[in-house]
Amino acid sequence: MGFSIALIVFSLLLMLLVLMHKGKGGGLSDMFGGGMQSSVGGSSVAERNLDRITVVVGLLWFACIVVLGLLMKVNN
């Protein structure tokens, strides 16, 4: 039961984080300082941190999927 709730929470968080990423026309990350980058440098600190957080949440989401699959296989 706990992994099911964690999967729901990670799914919602992952959707929110993906929507915050900057696309071609900007994104919600501009509201939090992501749009304040110069044209010379790479991505801003906010964008890099958002990328890192998204990867970590994605890996946790994947781990929940694997654990739930193994639990379902063991219970049957």
PDB file of N, CA and C in Angstrom:
ATOM      1  N   MET A   1       0.825  -1.197   0.000  1.00  0.00           N
ATOM      2  CA  MET A   1       0.000   0.000   0.000  1.00  0.00           C
ATOM      3  C   MET A   1       0.865   1.255   0.000  1.00  0.00           C
ATOM      4  N   GLY A   2       1.958   1.212   0.758  1.00  0.00           N
ATOM      5  CA  GLY A   2       2.827   2.380   0.845  1.00  0.00           C
ATOM      6  C   GLY A   2       3.488   2.724  -0.476  1.00  0.00           C
ATOM      7  N   PHE A   3       3.884   1.690  -1.246  1.00  0.00           N
ATOM      8  CA  PHE A   3       4.516   1.942  -2.537  1.00  0.00           C
ATOM      9  C   PHE A   3       3.518   2.485  -3.550  1.00  0.00           C
ATOM     10  N   SER A   4       2.241   2.109  -3.414  1.00  0.00           N
ATOM     11  CA  SER A   4       1.214   2.652  -4.308  1.00  0.00           C
ATOM     12  C   SER A   4       1.025   4.142  -4.073  1.00  0.00           C
ATOM     13  N   ILE A   5       1.014   4.536  -2.816  1.00  0.00           N
ATOM     14  CA  ILE A   5       0.876   5.956  -2.488  1.00  0.00           C
ATOM     15  C   ILE A   5       2.111   6.723  -2.943  1.00  0.00           C
ATOM     16  N   ALA A   6       3.295   6.132  -2.729  1.00  0.00           N
ATOM     17  CA  ALA A   6       4.531   6.773  -3.173  1.00  0.00           C
ATOM     18  C   ALA A   6       4.537   6.933  -4.688  1.00  0.00           C
ATOM     19  N   LEU A   7       4.025   5.935  -5.409  1.00  0.00           N
ATOM     20  CA  LEU A   7       3.971   6.013  -6.870  1.00  0.00           C
ATOM     21  C   LEU A   7       3.070   7.160  -7.318  1.00  0.00           C
ATOM     22  N   ILE A   8       1.945   7.336  -6.665  1.00  0.00           N
ATOM     23  CA  ILE A   8       1.036   8.433  -7.004  1.00  0.00           C
ATOM     24  C   ILE A   8       1.699   9.776  -6.734  1.00  0.00           C
ATOM     25  N   VAL A   9       2.351   9.898  -5.588  1.00  0.00           N
ATOM     26  CA  VAL A   9       3.011  11.155  -5.225  1.00  0.00           C
ATOM     27  C   VAL A   9       4.148  11.459  -6.204  1.00  0.00           C
ATOM     28  N   PHE A  10       4.980  10.453  -6.506  1.00  0.00           N
ATOM     29  CA  PHE A  10       6.079  10.667  -7.447  1.00  0.00           C
ATOM     30  C   PHE A  10       5.569  10.977  -8.846  1.00  0.00           C
ATOM     31  N   SER A  11       4.449  10.374  -9.250  1.00  0.00           N
ATOM     32  CA  SER A  11       3.878  10.655 -10.569  1.00  0.00           C
ATOM     33  C   SER A  11       3.424  12.104 -10.672  1.00  0.00           C
ATOM     34  N   LEU A  12       2.734  12.572  -9.658  1.00  0.00           N
ATOM     35  CA  LEU A  12       2.270  13.967  -9.670  1.00  0.00           C
ATOM     36  C   LEU A  12       3.442  14.938  -9.619  1.00  0.00           C
ATOM     37  N   LEU A  13       4.428  14.626  -8.797  1.00  0.00           N
ATOM     38  CA  LEU A  13       5.601  15.486  -8.692  1.00  0.00           C
ATOM     39  C   LEU A  13       6.389  15.507  -9.995  1.00  0.00           C
ATOM     40  N   LEU A  14       6.487  14.361 -10.646  1.00  0.00           N
ATOM     41  CA  LEU A  14       7.195  14.286 -11.921  1.00  0.00           C
ATOM     42  C   LEU A  14       6.478  15.098 -13.001  1.00  0.00           C
ATOM     43  N   MET A  15       5.155  15.037 -13.023  1.00  0.00           N
ATOM     44  CA  MET A  15       4.395  15.848 -13.985  1.00  0.00           C
ATOM     45  C   MET A  15       4.643  17.330 -13.747  1.00  0.00           C
ATOM     46  N   LEU A  16       4.618  17.744 -12.496  1.00  0.00           N
ATOM     47  CA  LEU A  16       4.844  19.151 -12.165  1.00  0.00           C
ATOM     48  C   LEU A  16       6.246  19.590 -12.573  1.00  0.00           C
ATOM     49  N   LEU A  17       7.237  18.766 -12.290  1.00  0.00           N
ATOM     50  CA  LEU A  17       8.609  19.126 -12.627  1.00  0.00           C
ATOM     51  C   LEU A  17       8.829  19.201 -14.138  1.00  0.00           C
ATOM     52  N   VAL A  18       8.238  18.289 -14.883  1.00  0.00           N
ATOM     53  CA  VAL A  18       8.383  18.319 -16.341  1.00  0.00           C
ATOM     54  C   VAL A  18       7.717  19.569 -16.917  1.00  0.00           C
ATOM     55  N   LEU A  19       6.576  19.945 -16.362  1.00  0.00           N
ATOM     56  CA  LEU A  19       5.897  21.145 -16.846  1.00  0.00           C
ATOM     57  C   LEU A  19       6.669  22.416 -16.512  1.00  0.00           C
ATOM     58  N   MET A  20       7.497  22.373 -15.498  1.00  0.00           N
ATOM     59  CA  MET A  20       8.273  23.550 -15.120  1.00  0.00           C
ATOM     60  C   MET A  20       9.493  23.769 -16.006  1.00  0.00           C
ATOM     61  N   HIS A  21       9.890  22.750 -16.791  1.00  0.00           N
ATOM     62  CA  HIS A  21      11.060  22.895 -17.647  1.00  0.00           C
ATOM     63  C   HIS A  21      10.798  23.881 -18.770  1.00  0.00           C
ATOM     64  N   LYS A  22      11.857  24.530 -19.182  1.00  0.00           N
ATOM     65  CA  LYS A  22      11.752  25.519 -20.252  1.00  0.00           C
ATOM     66  C   LYS A  22      11.710  24.806 -21.593  1.00  0.00           C
ATOM     67  N   GLY A  23      10.750  25.160 -22.396  1.00  0.00           N
ATOM     68  CA  GLY A  23      10.664  24.633 -23.755  1.00  0.00           C
ATOM     69  C   GLY A  23      11.192  25.665 -24.721  1.00  0.00           C
ATOM     70  N   LYS A  24      10.761  25.593 -25.961  1.00  0.00           N
ATOM     71  CA  LYS A  24      11.211  26.562 -26.961  1.00  0.00           C
ATOM     72  C   LYS A  24      10.707  27.970 -26.645  1.00  0.00           C
ATOM     73  N   GLY A  25       9.492  28.062 -26.151  1.00  0.00           N
ATOM     74  CA  GLY A  25       8.919  29.365 -25.875  1.00  0.00           C
ATOM     75  C   GLY A  25       8.985  29.767 -24.419  1.00  0.00           C
ATOM     76  N   GLY A  26       9.832  29.179 -23.628  1.00  0.00           N
ATOM     77  CA  GLY A  26       9.901  29.479 -22.200  1.00  0.00           C
ATOM     78  C   GLY A  26       9.058  28.489 -21.438  1.00  0.00           C
ATOM     79  N   GLY A  27       9.132  28.554 -20.145  1.00  0.00           N
ATOM     80  CA  GLY A  27       8.375  27.624 -19.320  1.00  0.00           C
ATOM     81  C   GLY A  27       8.041  28.236 -17.984  1.00  0.00           C
ATOM     82  N   LEU A  28       7.465  27.443 -17.134  1.00  0.00           N
ATOM     83  CA  LEU A  28       7.122  27.929 -15.816  1.00  0.00           C
ATOM     84  C   LEU A  28       8.365  28.225 -14.984  1.00  0.00           C
ATOM     85  N   SER A  29       9.506  27.671 -15.377  1.00  0.00           N
ATOM     86  CA  SER A  29      10.737  27.929 -14.630  1.00  0.00           C
ATOM     87  C   SER A  29      11.168  29.385 -14.761  1.00  0.00           C
ATOM     88  N   ASP A  30      10.666  30.099 -15.755  1.00  0.00           N
ATOM     89  CA  ASP A  30      10.967  31.527 -15.878  1.00  0.00           C
ATOM     90  C   ASP A  30      10.435  32.310 -14.680  1.00  0.00           C
ATOM     91  N   MET A  31       9.354  31.828 -14.107  1.00  0.00           N
ATOM     92  CA  MET A  31       8.778  32.508 -12.946  1.00  0.00           C
ATOM     93  C   MET A  31       9.705  32.425 -11.737  1.00  0.00           C
ATOM     94  N   PHE A  32      10.564  31.416 -11.701  1.00  0.00           N
ATOM     95  CA  PHE A  32      11.429  31.200 -10.549  1.00  0.00           C
ATOM     96  C   PHE A  32      12.877  31.565 -10.839  1.00  0.00           C
ATOM     97  N   GLY A  33      13.124  32.405 -11.827  1.00  0.00           N
ATOM     98  CA  GLY A  33      14.475  32.857 -12.107  1.00  0.00           C
ATOM     99  C   GLY A  33      15.174  32.096 -13.203  1.00  0.00           C
ATOM    100  N   GLY A  34      14.511  31.169 -13.840  1.00  0.00           N
ATOM    101  CA  GLY A  34      15.142  30.398 -14.907  1.00  0.00           C
ATOM    102  C   GLY A  34      15.346  31.196 -16.175  1.00  0.00           C
ATOM    103  N   GLY A  35      14.611  32.278 -16.343  1.00  0.00           N
ATOM    104  CA  GLY A  35      14.718  33.087 -17.548  1.00  0.00           C
ATOM    105  C   GLY A  35      15.782  34.159 -17.474  1.00  0.00           C
ATOM    106  N   MET A  36      16.533  34.205 -16.389  1.00  0.00           N
ATOM    107  CA  MET A  36      17.521  35.256 -16.191  1.00  0.00           C
ATOM    108  C   MET A  36      18.916  34.796 -16.600  1.00  0.00           C
ATOM    109  N   GLN A  37      19.024  34.067 -17.674  1.00  0.00           N
ATOM    110  CA  GLN A  37      20.323  33.584 -18.132  1.00  0.00           C
ATOM    111  C   GLN A  37      20.821  34.471 -19.255  1.00  0.00           C
ATOM    112  N   SER A  38      22.117  34.562 -19.388  1.00  0.00           N
ATOM    113  CA  SER A  38      22.682  35.347 -20.475  1.00  0.00           C
ATOM    114  C   SER A  38      22.766  34.487 -21.731  1.00  0.00           C
ATOM    115  N   SER A  39      22.870  35.135 -22.864  1.00  0.00           N
ATOM    116  CA  SER A  39      22.943  34.381 -24.113  1.00  0.00           C
ATOM    117  C   SER A  39      24.321  33.769 -24.313  1.00  0.00           C
ATOM    118  N   VAL A  40      25.326  34.204 -23.545  1.00  0.00           N
ATOM    119  CA  VAL A  40      26.672  33.686 -23.687  1.00  0.00           C
ATOM    120  C   VAL A  40      26.828  32.355 -22.962  1.00  0.00           C
ATOM    121  N   GLY A  41      26.337  32.283 -21.719  1.00  0.00           N
ATOM    122  CA  GLY A  41      26.542  31.103 -20.884  1.00  0.00           C
ATOM    123  C   GLY A  41      25.564  29.997 -21.211  1.00  0.00           C
ATOM    124  N   GLY A  42      25.701  28.912 -20.442  1.00  0.00           N
ATOM    125  CA  GLY A  42      24.796  27.775 -20.599  1.00  0.00           C
ATOM    126  C   GLY A  42      23.516  28.028 -19.824  1.00  0.00           C
ATOM    127  N   SER A  43      22.964  26.963 -19.276  1.00  0.00           N
ATOM    128  CA  SER A  43      21.726  27.096 -18.537  1.00  0.00           C
ATOM    129  C   SER A  43      22.004  27.638 -17.140  1.00  0.00           C
ATOM    130  N   SER A  44      21.005  28.250 -16.557  1.00  0.00           N
ATOM    131  CA  SER A  44      21.156  28.874 -15.255  1.00  0.00           C
ATOM    132  C   SER A  44      21.200  27.826 -14.151  1.00  0.00           C
ATOM    133  N   VAL A  45      21.518  28.278 -12.958  1.00  0.00           N
ATOM    134  CA  VAL A  45      21.583  27.386 -11.804  1.00  0.00           C
ATOM    135  C   VAL A  45      20.206  26.795 -11.524  1.00  0.00           C
ATOM    136  N   ALA A  46      19.166  27.600 -11.689  1.00  0.00           N
ATOM    137  CA  ALA A  46      17.810  27.106 -11.434  1.00  0.00           C
ATOM    138  C   ALA A  46      17.446  25.979 -12.400  1.00  0.00           C
ATOM    139  N   GLU A  47      17.812  26.126 -13.661  1.00  0.00           N
ATOM    140  CA  GLU A  47      17.512  25.081 -14.650  1.00  0.00           C
ATOM    141  C   GLU A  47      18.290  23.805 -14.355  1.00  0.00           C
ATOM    142  N   ARG A  48      19.559  23.955 -13.982  1.00  0.00           N
ATOM    143  CA  ARG A  48      20.372  22.768 -13.689  1.00  0.00           C
ATOM    144  C   ARG A  48      19.840  22.045 -12.463  1.00  0.00           C
ATOM    145  N   ASN A  49      19.452  22.799 -11.436  1.00  0.00           N
ATOM    146  CA  ASN A  49      18.883  22.168 -10.241  1.00  0.00           C
ATOM    147  C   ASN A  49      17.554  21.504 -10.553  1.00  0.00           C
ATOM    148  N   LEU A  50      16.747  22.133 -11.401  1.00  0.00           N
ATOM    149  CA  LEU A  50      15.477  21.546 -11.807  1.00  0.00           C
ATOM    150  C   LEU A  50      15.715  20.245 -12.573  1.00  0.00           C
ATOM    151  N   ASP A  51      16.737  20.227 -13.417  1.00  0.00           N
ATOM    152  CA  ASP A  51      17.090  18.998 -14.143  1.00  0.00           C
ATOM    153  C   ASP A  51      17.487  17.888 -13.177  1.00  0.00           C
ATOM    154  N   ARG A  52      18.321  18.224 -12.201  1.00  0.00           N
ATOM    155  CA  ARG A  52      18.776  17.220 -11.228  1.00  0.00           C
ATOM    156  C   ARG A  52      17.612  16.662 -10.419  1.00  0.00           C
ATOM    157  N   ILE A  53      16.744  17.542  -9.955  1.00  0.00           N
ATOM    158  CA  ILE A  53      15.595  17.108  -9.152  1.00  0.00           C
ATOM    159  C   ILE A  53      14.682  16.213  -9.982  1.00  0.00           C
ATOM    160  N   THR A  54      14.479  16.577 -11.255  1.00  0.00           N
ATOM    161  CA  THR A  54      13.624  15.788 -12.134  1.00  0.00           C
ATOM    162  C   THR A  54      14.208  14.391 -12.354  1.00  0.00           C
ATOM    163  N   VAL A  55      15.514  14.302 -12.530  1.00  0.00           N
ATOM    164  CA  VAL A  55      16.151  12.991 -12.731  1.00  0.00           C
ATOM    165  C   VAL A  55      16.004  12.137 -11.476  1.00  0.00           C
ATOM    166  N   VAL A  56      16.224  12.729 -10.298  1.00  0.00           N
ATOM    167  CA  VAL A  56      16.106  11.971  -9.046  1.00  0.00           C
ATOM    168  C   VAL A  56      14.677  11.476  -8.848  1.00  0.00           C
ATOM    169  N   VAL A  57      13.692  12.335  -9.076  1.00  0.00           N
ATOM    170  CA  VAL A  57      12.292  11.929  -8.916  1.00  0.00           C
ATOM    171  C   VAL A  57      11.927  10.870  -9.948  1.00  0.00           C
ATOM    172  N   GLY A  58      12.454  10.994 -11.170  1.00  0.00           N
ATOM    173  CA  GLY A  58      12.211   9.979 -12.191  1.00  0.00           C
ATOM    174  C   GLY A  58      12.779   8.624 -11.812  1.00  0.00           C
ATOM    175  N   LEU A  59      13.972   8.618 -11.225  1.00  0.00           N
ATOM    176  CA  LEU A  59      14.565   7.355 -10.779  1.00  0.00           C
ATOM    177  C   LEU A  59      13.776   6.747  -9.620  1.00  0.00           C
ATOM    178  N   LEU A  60      13.312   7.579  -8.704  1.00  0.00           N
ATOM    179  CA  LEU A  60      12.483   7.077  -7.602  1.00  0.00           C
ATOM    180  C   LEU A  60      11.161   6.526  -8.122  1.00  0.00           C
ATOM    181  N   TRP A  61      10.583   7.186  -9.121  1.00  0.00           N
ATOM    182  CA  TRP A  61       9.346   6.720  -9.738  1.00  0.00           C
ATOM    183  C   TRP A  61       9.567   5.346 -10.377  1.00  0.00           C
ATOM    184  N   PHE A  62      10.676   5.202 -11.098  1.00  0.00           N
ATOM    185  CA  PHE A  62      11.007   3.928 -11.734  1.00  0.00           C
ATOM    186  C   PHE A  62      11.220   2.837 -10.689  1.00  0.00           C
ATOM    187  N   ALA A  63      11.905   3.175  -9.600  1.00  0.00           N
ATOM    188  CA  ALA A  63      12.134   2.193  -8.533  1.00  0.00           C
ATOM    189  C   ALA A  63      10.817   1.733  -7.920  1.00  0.00           C
ATOM    190  N   CYS A  64       9.878   2.644  -7.745  1.00  0.00           N
ATOM    191  CA  CYS A  64       8.554   2.265  -7.214  1.00  0.00           C
ATOM    192  C   CYS A  64       7.841   1.306  -8.157  1.00  0.00           C
ATOM    193  N   ILE A  65       7.944   1.556  -9.466  1.00  0.00           N
ATOM    194  CA  ILE A  65       7.322   0.676 -10.453  1.00  0.00           C
ATOM    195  C   ILE A  65       7.912  -0.735 -10.346  1.00  0.00           C
ATOM    196  N   VAL A  66       9.248  -0.808 -10.246  1.00  0.00           N
ATOM    197  CA  VAL A  66       9.910  -2.112 -10.172  1.00  0.00           C
ATOM    198  C   VAL A  66       9.522  -2.838  -8.887  1.00  0.00           C
ATOM    199  N   VAL A  67       9.530  -2.136  -7.755  1.00  0.00           N
ATOM    200  CA  VAL A  67       9.178  -2.769  -6.477  1.00  0.00           C
ATOM    201  C   VAL A  67       7.732  -3.240  -6.483  1.00  0.00           C
ATOM    202  N   LEU A  68       6.828  -2.414  -7.006  1.00  0.00           N
ATOM    203  CA  LEU A  68       5.422  -2.836  -7.075  1.00  0.00           C
ATOM    204  C   LEU A  68       5.254  -4.057  -7.971  1.00  0.00           C
ATOM    205  N   GLY A  69       5.989  -4.103  -9.101  1.00  0.00           N
ATOM    206  CA  GLY A  69       5.914  -5.272  -9.969  1.00  0.00           C
ATOM    207  C   GLY A  69       6.422  -6.529  -9.287  1.00  0.00           C
ATOM    208  N   LEU A  70       7.522  -6.402  -8.550  1.00  0.00           N
ATOM    209  CA  LEU A  70       8.049  -7.558  -7.825  1.00  0.00           C
ATOM    210  C   LEU A  70       7.107  -8.006  -6.714  1.00  0.00           C
ATOM    211  N   LEU A  71       6.508  -7.067  -6.013  1.00  0.00           N
ATOM    212  CA  LEU A  71       5.558  -7.411  -4.952  1.00  0.00           C
ATOM    213  C   LEU A  71       4.325  -8.113  -5.511  1.00  0.00           C
ATOM    214  N   MET A  72       3.856  -7.659  -6.663  1.00  0.00           N
ATOM    215  CA  MET A  72       2.695  -8.294  -7.280  1.00  0.00           C
ATOM    216  C   MET A  72       3.043  -9.704  -7.743  1.00  0.00           C
ATOM    217  N   LYS A  73       4.272  -9.904  -8.235  1.00  0.00           N
ATOM    218  CA  LYS A  73       4.688 -11.220  -8.699  1.00  0.00           C
ATOM    219  C   LYS A  73       4.837 -12.185  -7.520  1.00  0.00           C
ATOM    220  N   VAL A  74       5.348 -11.708  -6.408  1.00  0.00           N
ATOM    221  CA  VAL A  74       5.536 -12.556  -5.216  1.00  0.00           C
ATOM    222  C   VAL A  74       4.201 -12.911  -4.597  1.00  0.00           C
ATOM    223  N   ASN A  75       3.269 -11.978  -4.566  1.00  0.00           N
ATOM    224  CA  ASN A  75       1.962 -12.217  -3.937  1.00  0.00           C
ATOM    225  C   ASN A  75       1.089 -13.179  -4.735  1.00  0.00           C
ATOM    226  N   ASN A  76       1.338 -13.309  -6.022  1.00  0.00           N
ATOM    227  CA  ASN A  76       0.504 -14.215  -6.845  1.00  0.00           C
ATOM    228  C   ASN A  76       1.044 -15.562  -6.854  1.00  0.00           C
TER     229      ASN A  76
END
